[in-house]
C-alpha atoms as a PDB file:
ATOM      1  CA  MET A   1      -0.001   0.009  -0.006  1.00  0.00           C
ATOM      2  CA  THR A   2       1.424   3.336  -1.047  1.00  0.00           C
ATOM      3  CA  LEU A   3       0.451   6.378   0.950  1.00  0.00           C
ATOM      4  CA  PRO A   4      -0.865   9.235  -1.146  1.00  0.00           C
ATOM      5  CA  ASP A   5       0.625  12.671  -1.142  1.00  0.00           C
ATOM      6  CA  LEU A   6      -0.627  15.558   1.007  1.00  0.00           C
ATOM      7  CA  SER A   7      -1.180  19.079  -0.261  1.00  0.00           C
ATOM      8  CA  LEU A   8       0.742  21.562   1.901  1.00  0.00           C
ATOM      9  CA  ASP A   9      -1.743  24.297   1.016  1.00  0.00           C
ATOM     10  CA  LEU A  10      -4.598  22.307   2.541  1.00  0.00           C
ATOM     11  CA  LEU A  11      -2.462  21.704   5.652  1.00  0.00           C
ATOM     12  CA  GLY A  12      -1.776  25.391   6.044  1.00  0.00           C
ATOM     13  CA  PRO A  13      -4.375  26.138   8.800  1.00  0.00           C
ATOM     14  CA  GLU A  14      -3.484  23.038  10.791  1.00  0.00           C
ATOM     15  CA  ALA A  15       0.277  23.915  10.532  1.00  0.00           C
ATOM     16  CA  ILE A  16      -0.455  27.435  11.798  1.00  0.00           C
ATOM     17  CA  VAL A  17      -2.417  26.056  14.814  1.00  0.00           C
ATOM     18  CA  VAL A  18       0.413  23.623  15.591  1.00  0.00           C
ATOM     19  CA  ALA A  19       3.030  26.349  15.316  1.00  0.00           C
ATOM     20  CA  ALA A  20       0.963  28.567  17.671  1.00  0.00           C
ATOM     21  CA  ALA A  21       0.862  25.689  20.161  1.00  0.00           C
ATOM     22  CA  PHE A  22       4.639  25.367  20.225  1.00  0.00           C
ATOM     23  CA  PHE A  23       5.019  29.155  20.258  1.00  0.00           C
ATOM     24  CA  VAL A  24       2.812  29.439  23.317  1.00  0.00           C
ATOM     25  CA  LEU A  25       4.666  26.658  25.101  1.00  0.00           C
ATOM     26  CA  THR A  26       8.051  28.143  24.290  1.00  0.00           C
ATOM     27  CA  LEU A  27       6.938  31.644  25.326  1.00  0.00           C
ATOM     28  CA  ASP A  28       5.648  30.485  28.602  1.00  0.00           C
ATOM     29  CA  LEU A  29       8.725  28.383  29.456  1.00  0.00           C
ATOM     30  CA  THR A  30      11.237  31.110  28.588  1.00  0.00           C
ATOM     31  CA  VAL A  31      10.104  34.686  28.541  1.00  0.00           C
ATOM     32  CA  LEU A  32       7.087  34.478  30.904  1.00  0.00           C
ATOM     33  CA  ARG A  33       8.490  31.881  33.301  1.00  0.00           C
ATOM     34  CA  HIS A  34       8.791  34.159  36.333  1.00  0.00           C
ATOM     35  CA  LYS A  35       5.840  36.357  35.601  1.00  0.00           C
ATOM     36  CA  PRO A  36       2.549  36.333  37.591  1.00  0.00           C
ATOM     37  CA  ALA A  37       0.215  33.472  36.573  1.00  0.00           C
ATOM     38  CA  LEU A  38      -2.512  35.867  35.507  1.00  0.00           C
ATOM     39  CA  PHE A  39      -0.179  37.738  33.190  1.00  0.00           C
ATOM     40  CA  ARG A  40       1.112  34.490  31.771  1.00  0.00           C
ATOM     41  CA  ALA A  41      -2.442  33.297  31.152  1.00  0.00           C
ATOM     42  CA  ARG A  42      -3.348  36.464  29.266  1.00  0.00           C
ATOM     43  CA  ALA A  43      -0.269  36.359  27.148  1.00  0.00           C
ATOM     44  CA  ALA A  44      -0.764  32.662  26.283  1.00  0.00           C
ATOM     45  CA  ALA A  45      -4.436  33.137  25.521  1.00  0.00           C
ATOM     46  CA  LEU A  46      -3.611  36.162  23.365  1.00  0.00           C
ATOM     47  CA  ALA A  47      -1.024  34.110  21.399  1.00  0.00           C
ATOM     48  CA  ALA A  48      -3.562  31.228  21.019  1.00  0.00           C
ATOM     49  CA  CYS A  49      -6.264  33.562  19.740  1.00  0.00           C
ATOM     50  CA  VAL A  50      -3.863  35.160  17.289  1.00  0.00           C
ATOM     51  CA  GLY A  51      -2.855  31.739  15.957  1.00  0.00           C
ATOM     52  CA  CYS A  52      -6.429  30.747  15.498  1.00  0.00           C
ATOM     53  CA  ALA A  53      -7.294  34.054  13.822  1.00  0.00           C
ATOM     54  CA  ALA A  54      -4.417  33.484  11.358  1.00  0.00           C
ATOM     55  CA  ALA A  55      -5.628  29.962  10.606  1.00  0.00           C
ATOM     56  CA  MET A  56      -9.110  31.365   9.944  1.00  0.00           C
ATOM     57  CA  LEU A  57      -7.651  33.924   7.567  1.00  0.00           C
ATOM     58  CA  TRP A  58      -5.769  31.158   5.695  1.00  0.00           C
ATOM     59  CA  LEU A  59      -8.953  29.175   5.478  1.00  0.00           C
ATOM     60  CA  VAL A  60     -10.842  32.068   3.989  1.00  0.00           C
ATOM     61  CA  LEU A  61      -8.170  32.594   1.291  1.00  0.00           C
ATOM     62  CA  LEU A  62      -8.174  28.929   0.218  1.00  0.00           C
ATOM     63  CA  PRO A  63     -10.287  27.891  -2.698  1.00  0.00           C
ATOM     64  CA  ALA A  64     -13.812  26.768  -1.884  1.00  0.00           C
ATOM     65  CA  CYS A  65     -13.167  23.275  -3.289  1.00  0.00           C
ATOM     66  CA  ALA A  66      -9.758  21.631  -3.190  1.00  0.00           C
ATOM     67  CA  SER A  67      -8.619  18.156  -2.462  1.00  0.00           C
ATOM     68  CA  SER A  68      -5.595  15.943  -2.241  1.00  0.00           C
ATOM     69  CA  ALA A  69      -5.347  12.163  -1.887  1.00  0.00           C
ATOM     70  CA  MET A  70      -5.912  12.197   1.898  1.00  0.00           C
ATOM     71  CA  LEU A  71      -7.561  15.618   2.547  1.00  0.00           C
ATOM     72  CA  ALA A  72     -10.616  17.306   1.023  1.00  0.00           C
ATOM     73  CA  LEU A  73     -11.692  20.891   1.415  1.00  0.00           C
ATOM     74  CA  THR A  74     -15.291  21.709   0.675  1.00  0.00           C
ATOM     75  CA  PRO A  75     -17.463  24.674   1.636  1.00  0.00           C
ATOM     76  CA  MET A  76     -18.929  22.508   4.411  1.00  0.00           C
ATOM     77  CA  THR A  77     -15.509  21.474   5.853  1.00  0.00           C
ATOM     78  CA  GLN A  78     -14.318  25.072   5.537  1.00  0.00           C
ATOM     79  CA  PHE A  79     -17.380  26.289   7.438  1.00  0.00           C
ATOM     80  CA  LEU A  80     -16.944  23.654  10.229  1.00  0.00           C
ATOM     81  CA  LYS A  81     -13.186  24.437  10.586  1.00  0.00           C
ATOM     82  CA  LEU A  82     -14.100  28.103  11.112  1.00  0.00           C
ATOM     83  CA  ILE A  83     -16.591  27.064  13.774  1.00  0.00           C
ATOM     84  CA  LEU A  84     -14.025  24.915  15.510  1.00  0.00           C
ATOM     85  CA  LEU A  85     -11.445  27.738  15.502  1.00  0.00           C
ATOM     86  CA  ALA A  86     -14.067  30.136  16.920  1.00  0.00           C
ATOM     87  CA  LEU A  87     -14.888  27.596  19.760  1.00  0.00           C
ATOM     88  CA  THR A  88     -11.206  27.311  20.460  1.00  0.00           C
ATOM     89  CA  ILE A  89     -10.986  31.162  20.819  1.00  0.00           C
ATOM     90  CA  PHE A  90     -14.005  31.066  23.044  1.00  0.00           C
ATOM     91  CA  THR A  91     -12.497  28.396  25.242  1.00  0.00           C
ATOM     92  CA  ALA A  92      -9.244  30.398  25.486  1.00  0.00           C
ATOM     93  CA  VAL A  93     -11.167  33.490  26.546  1.00  0.00           C
ATOM     94  CA  ILE A  94     -13.200  31.722  29.295  1.00  0.00           C
ATOM     95  CA  SER A  95      -9.953  30.097  30.539  1.00  0.00           C
ATOM     96  CA  LEU A  96      -8.536  33.494  31.546  1.00  0.00           C
ATOM     97  CA  ASN A  97     -10.397  33.628  34.805  1.00  0.00           C
ATOM     98  CA  ALA A  98      -9.950  29.960  35.721  1.00  0.00           C
ATOM     99  CA  ARG A  99      -7.908  28.940  38.726  1.00  0.00           C
ATOM    100  CA  PHE A 100      -7.279  25.218  38.159  1.00  0.00           C
ATOM    101  CA  THR A 101      -3.597  25.306  37.070  1.00  0.00           C
ATOM    102  CA  ARG A 102      -0.396  27.278  37.055  1.00  0.00           C
ATOM    103  CA  HIS A 103       0.872  25.501  33.908  1.00  0.00           C
ATOM    104  CA  VAL A 104      -0.890  27.861  31.575  1.00  0.00           C
ATOM    105  CA  GLY A 105       1.559  27.396  28.664  1.00  0.00           C
ATOM    106  CA  GLU A 106       0.928  23.629  28.664  1.00  0.00           C
ATOM    107  CA  PHE A 107      -2.810  24.147  28.907  1.00  0.00           C
ATOM    108  CA  PHE A 108      -3.132  26.414  25.896  1.00  0.00           C
ATOM    109  CA  ALA A 109      -0.665  24.262  23.872  1.00  0.00           C
ATOM    110  CA  LEU A 110      -2.709  21.167  24.509  1.00  0.00           C
ATOM    111  CA  LEU A 111      -5.903  23.040  23.599  1.00  0.00           C
ATOM    112  CA  LEU A 112      -4.379  24.156  20.267  1.00  0.00           C
ATOM    113  CA  LEU A 113      -3.034  20.613  19.506  1.00  0.00           C
ATOM    114  CA  ALA A 114      -6.589  19.212  20.082  1.00  0.00           C
ATOM    115  CA  THR A 115      -7.912  21.860  17.743  1.00  0.00           C
ATOM    116  CA  ALA A 116      -5.415  20.796  15.049  1.00  0.00           C
ATOM    117  CA  GLY A 117      -6.588  17.157  15.506  1.00  0.00           C
ATOM    118  CA  LEU A 118     -10.188  18.254  15.023  1.00  0.00           C
ATOM    119  CA  MET A 119      -9.394  20.235  11.891  1.00  0.00           C
ATOM    120  CA  LEU A 120      -7.609  17.298  10.368  1.00  0.00           C
ATOM    121  CA  LEU A 121     -10.520  15.022  11.343  1.00  0.00           C
ATOM    122  CA  ILE A 122     -12.931  17.310   9.577  1.00  0.00           C
ATOM    123  CA  SER A 123     -10.989  17.273   6.312  1.00  0.00           C
ATOM    124  CA  SER A 124      -9.805  13.744   6.259  1.00  0.00           C
ATOM    125  CA  ASP A 125     -10.897  11.561   3.325  1.00  0.00           C
ATOM    126  CA  ASN A 126      -8.896   8.596   4.294  1.00  0.00           C
ATOM    127  CA  LEU A 127      -9.510   5.967   7.012  1.00  0.00           C
ATOM    128  CA  LEU A 128      -5.882   5.947   8.185  1.00  0.00           C
ATOM    129  CA  MET A 129      -5.905   9.770   8.402  1.00  0.00           C
ATOM    130  CA  ILE A 130      -9.149   9.740  10.247  1.00  0.00           C
ATOM    131  CA  PHE A 131      -7.729   7.396  12.875  1.00  0.00           C
ATOM    132  CA  LEU A 132      -4.531   9.500  13.268  1.00  0.00           C
ATOM    133  CA  ALA A 133      -6.563  12.689  13.642  1.00  0.00           C
ATOM    134  CA  LEU A 134      -8.822  10.984  16.208  1.00  0.00           C
ATOM    135  CA  GLU A 135      -5.734  10.050  18.294  1.00  0.00           C
ATOM    136  CA  LEU A 136      -4.265  13.609  17.846  1.00  0.00           C
ATOM    137  CA  LEU A 137      -7.566  14.902  19.246  1.00  0.00           C
ATOM    138  CA  SER A 138      -7.929  12.313  22.033  1.00  0.00           C
ATOM    139  CA  LEU A 139      -4.478  12.497  23.649  1.00  0.00           C
ATOM    140  CA  PRO A 140      -4.517  16.206  24.473  1.00  0.00           C
ATOM    141  CA  LEU A 141      -8.137  15.878  25.730  1.00  0.00           C
ATOM    142  CA  TYR A 142      -7.087  13.105  28.176  1.00  0.00           C
ATOM    143  CA  ALA A 143      -4.333  15.414  29.609  1.00  0.00           C
ATOM    144  CA  LEU A 144      -6.699  18.447  29.687  1.00  0.00           C
ATOM    145  CA  ALA A 145      -9.357  16.530  31.600  1.00  0.00           C
ATOM    146  CA  ALA A 146      -6.783  15.937  34.444  1.00  0.00           C
ATOM    147  CA  PHE A 147      -5.259  19.373  34.400  1.00  0.00           C
ATOM    148  CA  ASP A 148      -6.674  20.309  37.806  1.00  0.00           C
ATOM    149  CA  LYS A 149      -4.117  18.448  39.896  1.00  0.00           C
ATOM    150  CA  SER A 150      -5.647  19.524  43.239  1.00  0.00           C
ATOM    151  CA  SER A 151      -8.992  17.903  42.267  1.00  0.00           C
ATOM    152  CA  LEU A 152      -9.568  14.154  42.873  1.00  0.00           C
ATOM    153  CA  PRO A 153     -12.669  14.049  40.557  1.00  0.00           C
ATOM    154  CA  SER A 154     -10.563  15.601  37.746  1.00  0.00           C
ATOM    155  CA  ALA A 155      -8.016  12.752  38.046  1.00  0.00           C
ATOM    156  CA  GLU A 156     -10.737  10.176  38.220  1.00  0.00           C
ATOM    157  CA  ALA A 157     -12.454  11.642  35.078  1.00  0.00           C
ATOM    158  CA  ALA A 158      -9.280  11.661  33.119  1.00  0.00           C
ATOM    159  CA  LEU A 159      -8.543   8.055  34.029  1.00  0.00           C
ATOM    160  CA  LYS A 160     -11.983   6.981  32.910  1.00  0.00           C
ATOM    161  CA  TYR A 161     -11.723   9.032  29.787  1.00  0.00           C
ATOM    162  CA  PHE A 162      -8.311   7.470  28.956  1.00  0.00           C
ATOM    163  CA  LEU A 163      -9.410   3.857  29.624  1.00  0.00           C
ATOM    164  CA  PHE A 164     -12.626   4.100  27.597  1.00  0.00           C
ATOM    165  CA  GLY A 165     -10.811   6.071  24.836  1.00  0.00           C
ATOM    166  CA  GLY A 166      -8.061   3.462  24.524  1.00  0.00           C
ATOM    167  CA  ILE A 167     -10.553   0.632  24.231  1.00  0.00           C
ATOM    168  CA  SER A 168     -12.621   2.476  21.612  1.00  0.00           C
ATOM    169  CA  ALA A 169      -9.547   3.298  19.616  1.00  0.00           C
ATOM    170  CA  ALA A 170      -8.642  -0.313  19.559  1.00  0.00           C
ATOM    171  CA  PHE A 171     -12.093  -1.198  18.184  1.00  0.00           C
ATOM    172  CA  THR A 172     -11.891   1.548  15.578  1.00  0.00           C
ATOM    173  CA  LEU A 173      -8.452   0.409  14.339  1.00  0.00           C
ATOM    174  CA  PHE A 174      -9.586  -3.220  14.216  1.00  0.00           C
ATOM    175  CA  GLY A 175     -12.625  -2.206  12.186  1.00  0.00           C
ATOM    176  CA  ILE A 176     -10.541  -0.085   9.731  1.00  0.00           C
ATOM    177  CA  SER A 177      -8.080  -3.001   9.313  1.00  0.00           C
ATOM    178  CA  LEU A 178     -10.937  -5.347   8.487  1.00  0.00           C
ATOM    179  CA  ILE A 179     -12.353  -2.810   5.944  1.00  0.00           C
ATOM    180  CA  TYR A 180      -8.920  -2.697   4.307  1.00  0.00           C
ATOM    181  CA  GLY A 181      -8.694  -6.428   4.272  1.00  0.00           C
ATOM    182  CA  ILE A 182     -12.152  -6.691   2.527  1.00  0.00           C
ATOM    183  CA  THR A 183     -11.676  -3.905   0.053  1.00  0.00           C
ATOM    184  CA  GLY A 184      -7.951  -3.305  -0.270  1.00  0.00           C
ATOM    185  CA  GLN A 185      -8.646   0.432   0.010  1.00  0.00           C
ATOM    186  CA  ILE A 186      -8.465   3.041   2.644  1.00  0.00           C
ATOM    187  CA  GLN A 187      -9.814   5.952   0.586  1.00  0.00           C
ATOM    188  CA  LEU A 188     -13.457   6.506   1.292  1.00  0.00           C
ATOM    189  CA  ALA A 189     -14.330   7.186  -2.311  1.00  0.00           C
ATOM    190  CA  ALA A 190     -12.493   4.030  -3.466  1.00  0.00           C
ATOM    191  CA  ILE A 191     -14.280   1.788  -0.977  1.00  0.00           C
ATOM    192  CA  VAL A 192     -17.788   2.283  -2.560  1.00  0.00           C
ATOM    193  CA  PRO A 193     -17.102   0.642  -5.921  1.00  0.00           C
ATOM    194  CA  VAL A 194     -15.570  -2.420  -4.221  1.00  0.00           C
ATOM    195  CA  LEU A 195     -18.545  -2.801  -1.963  1.00  0.00           C
ATOM    196  CA  GLN A 196     -20.933  -2.445  -4.911  1.00  0.00           C
ATOM    197  CA  ALA A 197     -19.110  -4.977  -6.960  1.00  0.00           C
ATOM    198  CA  GLN A 198     -19.339  -7.826  -4.460  1.00  0.00           C
ATOM    199  CA  PRO A 199     -22.044  -9.080  -1.948  1.00  0.00           C
ATOM    200  CA  ALA A 200     -21.507  -8.018   1.614  1.00  0.00           C
ATOM    201  CA  GLU A 201     -19.591 -10.532   3.645  1.00  0.00           C
ATOM    202  CA  PRO A 202     -20.340 -11.172   7.424  1.00  0.00           C
ATOM    203  CA  VAL A 203     -16.868  -9.762   8.204  1.00  0.00           C
ATOM    204  CA  PHE A 204     -18.021  -6.467   6.728  1.00  0.00           C
ATOM    205  CA  TYR A 205     -20.776  -6.108   9.326  1.00  0.00           C
ATOM    206  CA  ALA A 206     -18.269  -6.918  12.025  1.00  0.00           C
ATOM    207  CA  ALA A 207     -15.959  -4.216  10.772  1.00  0.00           C
ATOM    208  CA  LEU A 208     -18.892  -1.748  10.456  1.00  0.00           C
ATOM    209  CA  VAL A 209     -19.916  -2.315  14.109  1.00  0.00           C
ATOM    210  CA  MET A 210     -16.368  -1.988  15.400  1.00  0.00           C
ATOM    211  CA  THR A 211     -15.909   1.318  13.504  1.00  0.00           C
ATOM    212  CA  LEU A 212     -19.200   2.650  14.802  1.00  0.00           C
ATOM    213  CA  ILE A 213     -18.245   1.750  18.371  1.00  0.00           C
ATOM    214  CA  GLY A 214     -15.196   4.009  18.247  1.00  0.00           C
ATOM    215  CA  LEU A 215     -17.173   6.990  16.902  1.00  0.00           C
ATOM    216  CA  ALA A 216     -20.121   6.390  19.227  1.00  0.00           C
ATOM    217  CA  PHE A 217     -17.614   6.779  22.107  1.00  0.00           C
ATOM    218  CA  LYS A 218     -16.588  10.203  20.833  1.00  0.00           C
ATOM    219  CA  LEU A 219     -20.243  11.101  20.522  1.00  0.00           C
ATOM    220  CA  ALA A 220     -21.092   9.786  24.028  1.00  0.00           C
ATOM    221  CA  ALA A 221     -23.886   7.751  22.428  1.00  0.00           C
ATOM    222  CA  ALA A 222     -25.411   5.015  24.511  1.00  0.00           C
ATOM    223  CA  PRO A 223     -24.230   2.451  25.575  1.00  0.00           C
ATOM    224  CA  PHE A 224     -20.790   4.119  25.257  1.00  0.00           C
ATOM    225  CA  HIS A 225     -21.668   7.186  27.223  1.00  0.00           C
ATOM    226  CA  PHE A 226     -20.573   6.091  30.752  1.00  0.00           C
ATOM    227  CA  TRP A 227     -17.484   8.313  30.652  1.00  0.00           C
ATOM    228  CA  ALA A 228     -19.393  11.534  29.915  1.00  0.00           C
ATOM    229  CA  PRO A 229     -20.951  12.396  33.282  1.00  0.00           C
ATOM    230  CA  ASP A 230     -17.655  11.936  35.131  1.00  0.00           C
ATOM    231  CA  VAL A 231     -15.706  13.888  32.634  1.00  0.00           C
ATOM    232  CA  TYR A 232     -18.123  16.787  32.376  1.00  0.00           C
ATOM    233  CA  GLN A 233     -18.264  16.978  36.163  1.00  0.00           C
ATOM    234  CA  GLY A 234     -14.633  16.487  37.059  1.00  0.00           C
ATOM    235  CA  ALA A 235     -12.768  18.191  34.243  1.00  0.00           C
ATOM    236  CA  PRO A 236     -12.161  21.982  34.460  1.00  0.00           C
ATOM    237  CA  THR A 237     -15.081  23.981  33.119  1.00  0.00           C
ATOM    238  CA  PRO A 238     -13.336  25.327  29.978  1.00  0.00           C
ATOM    239  CA  VAL A 239     -12.183  21.795  29.098  1.00  0.00           C
ATOM    240  CA  ALA A 240     -15.601  20.348  29.703  1.00  0.00           C
ATOM    241  CA  SER A 241     -17.184  23.020  27.406  1.00  0.00           C
ATOM    242  CA  PHE A 242     -14.605  22.298  24.688  1.00  0.00           C
ATOM    243  CA  ILE A 243     -15.224  18.466  24.929  1.00  0.00           C
ATOM    244  CA  ALA A 244     -18.934  18.964  24.827  1.00  0.00           C
ATOM    245  CA  SER A 245     -19.006  21.257  21.843  1.00  0.00           C
ATOM    246  CA  ALA A 246     -15.999  21.082  19.549  1.00  0.00           C
ATOM    247  CA  SER A 247     -15.239  17.417  19.777  1.00  0.00           C
ATOM    248  CA  LYS A 248     -18.960  16.550  19.143  1.00  0.00           C
ATOM    249  CA  VAL A 249     -18.942  18.671  15.998  1.00  0.00           C
ATOM    250  CA  GLY A 250     -15.983  16.767  14.583  1.00  0.00           C
ATOM    251  CA  ALA A 251     -17.279  13.374  15.628  1.00  0.00           C
ATOM    252  CA  PHE A 252     -20.685  13.928  14.064  1.00  0.00           C
ATOM    253  CA  PHE A 253     -19.249  15.105  10.840  1.00  0.00           C
ATOM    254  CA  VAL A 254     -16.754  12.277  10.475  1.00  0.00           C
ATOM    255  CA  LEU A 255     -19.364   9.775  11.309  1.00  0.00           C
ATOM    256  CA  ALA A 256     -21.635  11.162   8.503  1.00  0.00           C
ATOM    257  CA  ARG A 257     -18.710  11.267   6.026  1.00  0.00           C
ATOM    258  CA  ILE A 258     -17.742   7.681   6.712  1.00  0.00           C
ATOM    259  CA  LEU A 259     -21.228   6.256   6.478  1.00  0.00           C
ATOM    260  CA  LEU A 260     -22.498   8.389   3.539  1.00  0.00           C
ATOM    261  CA  THR A 261     -19.298   8.421   1.492  1.00  0.00           C
ATOM    262  CA  GLY A 262     -17.528   5.082   2.146  1.00  0.00           C
ATOM    263  CA  PHE A 263     -20.141   2.732   3.557  1.00  0.00           C
ATOM    264  CA  TRP A 264     -23.203   3.818   1.564  1.00  0.00           C
ATOM    265  CA  PRO A 265     -23.647   0.486  -0.277  1.00  0.00           C
ATOM    266  CA  GLY A 266     -23.821  -1.303   3.061  1.00  0.00           C
ATOM    267  CA  ARG A 267     -26.420   1.005   4.525  1.00  0.00           C
ATOM    268  CA  GLY A 268     -29.184  -1.607   4.779  1.00  0.00           C
ATOM    269  CA  GLY A 269     -32.634  -0.505   5.963  1.00  0.00           C
ATOM    270  CA  ALA A 270     -34.223   0.323   9.258  1.00  0.00           C
ATOM    271  CA  ALA A 271     -37.758   1.092   8.088  1.00  0.00           C
ATOM    272  CA  LEU A 272     -40.675  -0.779   9.565  1.00  0.00           C
ATOM    273  CA  GLY A 273     -41.332  -3.751   7.335  1.00  0.00           C
ATOM    274  CA  GLY A 274     -38.225  -3.122   5.224  1.00  0.00           C
ATOM    275  CA  PHE A 275     -35.464  -4.161   7.630  1.00  0.00           C
ATOM    276  CA  ALA A 276     -32.123  -5.053   5.964  1.00  0.00           C
ATOM    277  CA  PRO A 277     -28.759  -5.598   7.611  1.00  0.00           C
ATOM    278  CA  GLY A 278     -26.402  -2.619   7.466  1.00  0.00           C
ATOM    279  CA  TRP A 279     -25.383   0.528   9.291  1.00  0.00           C
ATOM    280  CA  MET A 280     -28.814   2.101   9.274  1.00  0.00           C
ATOM    281  CA  PRO A 281     -30.289  -0.429  11.841  1.00  0.00           C
ATOM    282  CA  VAL A 282     -27.129  -0.056  14.016  1.00  0.00           C
ATOM    283  CA  LEU A 283     -27.394   3.705  13.970  1.00  0.00           C
ATOM    284  CA  ALA A 284     -31.114   3.528  14.697  1.00  0.00           C
ATOM    285  CA  ALA A 285     -30.548   1.240  17.682  1.00  0.00           C
ATOM    286  CA  ILE A 286     -27.846   3.609  19.060  1.00  0.00           C
ATOM    287  CA  SER A 287     -30.095   6.605  18.589  1.00  0.00           C
ATOM    288  CA  VAL A 288     -32.935   5.013  20.497  1.00  0.00           C
ATOM    289  CA  LEU A 289     -30.675   3.864  23.284  1.00  0.00           C
ATOM    290  CA  SER A 290     -29.146   7.350  23.586  1.00  0.00           C
ATOM    291  CA  MET A 291     -32.534   9.030  23.836  1.00  0.00           C
ATOM    292  CA  VAL A 292     -33.915   6.446  26.362  1.00  0.00           C
ATOM    293  CA  ALA A 293     -30.730   6.481  28.528  1.00  0.00           C
ATOM    294  CA  GLY A 294     -30.859  10.134  28.857  1.00  0.00           C
ATOM    295  CA  ILE A 295     -34.265  10.185  30.497  1.00  0.00           C
ATOM    296  CA  SER A 296     -34.331   9.390  34.226  1.00  0.00           C
ATOM    297  CA  PRO A 297     -37.516   8.046  35.672  1.00  0.00           C
ATOM    298  CA  PRO A 298     -39.498  10.274  38.086  1.00  0.00           C
ATOM    299  CA  TRP A 299     -38.448   8.270  41.104  1.00  0.00           C
ATOM    300  CA  CYS A 300     -34.792   8.839  40.387  1.00  0.00           C
ATOM    301  CA  ARG A 301     -34.691  12.584  40.555  1.00  0.00           C
ATOM    302  CA  PRO A 302     -32.031  14.540  42.465  1.00  0.00           C
ATOM    303  CA  ALA A 303     -34.515  15.380  45.300  1.00  0.00           C
ATOM    304  CA  SER A 304     -33.462  12.211  46.979  1.00  0.00           C
ATOM    305  CA  ASN A 305     -30.590  10.052  45.984  1.00  0.00           C
ATOM    306  CA  ASP A 306     -32.349   6.775  46.450  1.00  0.00           C
ATOM    307  CA  CYS A 307     -31.398   5.176  43.149  1.00  0.00           C
ATOM    308  CA  TRP A 308     -27.699   6.100  43.074  1.00  0.00           C
ATOM    309  CA  PRO A 309     -26.546   6.934  46.622  1.00  0.00           C
ATOM    310  CA  THR A 310     -23.282   8.677  47.040  1.00  0.00           C
ATOM    311  CA  PRO A 311     -21.434   9.059  50.308  1.00  0.00           C
ATOM    312  CA  PRO A 312     -21.193  12.609  51.612  1.00  0.00           C
ATOM    313  CA  LEU A 313     -17.873  14.382  51.088  1.00  0.00           C
ATOM    314  CA  PRO A 314     -15.999  15.000  54.417  1.00  0.00           C
ATOM    315  CA  MET A 315     -15.872  18.591  55.473  1.00  0.00           C
ATOM    316  CA  PRO A 316     -12.762  20.094  57.127  1.00  0.00           C
ATOM    317  CA  ALA A 317     -13.115  20.248  60.848  1.00  0.00           C
ATOM    318  CA  SER A 318     -11.270  23.524  61.231  1.00  0.00           C
ATOM    319  CA  ARG A 319     -13.182  25.499  58.645  1.00  0.00           C
ATOM    320  CA  SER A 320     -16.705  26.820  58.520  1.00  0.00           C
ATOM    321  CA  SER A 321     -19.287  25.724  55.993  1.00  0.00           C
ATOM    322  CA  PRO A 322     -18.600  26.848  52.398  1.00  0.00           C
ATOM    323  CA  PHE A 323     -22.069  28.289  52.284  1.00  0.00           C
ATOM    324  CA  SER A 324     -21.430  30.718  55.172  1.00  0.00           C
ATOM    325  CA  GLY A 325     -20.351  34.323  54.537  1.00  0.00           C
ATOM    326  CA  PRO A 326     -21.095  36.571  51.638  1.00  0.00           C
ATOM    327  CA  PRO A 327     -22.298  35.047  48.341  1.00  0.00           C
ATOM    328  CA  ARG A 328     -19.513  34.052  45.973  1.00  0.00           C
ATOM    329  CA  ALA A 329     -19.213  34.877  42.311  1.00  0.00           C
ATOM    330  CA  LEU A 330     -20.647  32.369  39.865  1.00  0.00           C
ATOM    331  CA  PHE A 331     -17.623  32.598  37.616  1.00  0.00           C
ATOM    332  CA  PRO A 332     -14.217  31.025  38.480  1.00  0.00           C
ATOM    333  CA  ARG A 333     -11.592  33.180  39.979  1.00  0.00           C
ATOM    334  CA  SER A 334      -8.465  34.295  38.318  1.00  0.00           C
ATOM    335  CA  PHE A 335      -5.091  32.543  38.257  1.00  0.00           C
ATOM    336  CA  SER A 336      -3.187  32.798  41.434  1.00  0.00           C
ATOM    337  CA  THR A 337      -0.057  34.952  41.358  1.00  0.00           C
END
């Protein structure tokens, strides 16, 4: 198998974001090392926002439709990349007043690297490139979820996120390897004629299910959603907002691209009375499970934790109740100096 060439013009926005990540890290470790934490956070956030703005400008100047052997740029992918960069800027802005770490350079660098992985995921037209982009997205998110070193729930959330993510990555890679073994292709457009020219084999459905498992994990779709509550609760607020917004945009789009572009001949049917094996019944089952699992019965409401009891957290004996005194601000405090 010969790997196709990449167009450097199409990789321009991603390269700018990666360069901004290394610039932020170098700036924080050298020039800003002995500055107050709030000043370092503002400088790193400013550099990250400038890098994202430069990538957005590069995207606007690119032609509306361009493609290489592994990447494709369409008006839809261009629009989604602009949305992802805007979400990254928003996450950098709301991280200014957060007080969960003093390692601000590493935080913003990991945020930019996750954004680069999302941008590659959006424009990938190759199964191998999709998997690499998923891992480039996932690894920084694992670290970001555990960035609050003083919080035990943050460490627990990152551990669960990492374990579930590693298992789902194994399923995805196994499914991709089976697809390549069946078709001999990793390009999404080249898989379609091979699937149309031969009847679907049972191993194809196994590969389809394994690939969907990995993407369903990224979407937090049932029954692969058990990591989501812990991560959203334990991760720092800016990180949780980024995971819940930007990563879901990329995962939904790549799922649609894989199914509608590469696996369209194996779609099957999920209509009542017209059932046929394929990815449509699997997707319908996951959708129903996700909608049902998100509804708690009336006897399991937070008024009384009878269904899922949790032990009360120990309160420090030498301090008063956190609810005493004047009301606190709803927004997180600034970085400590």
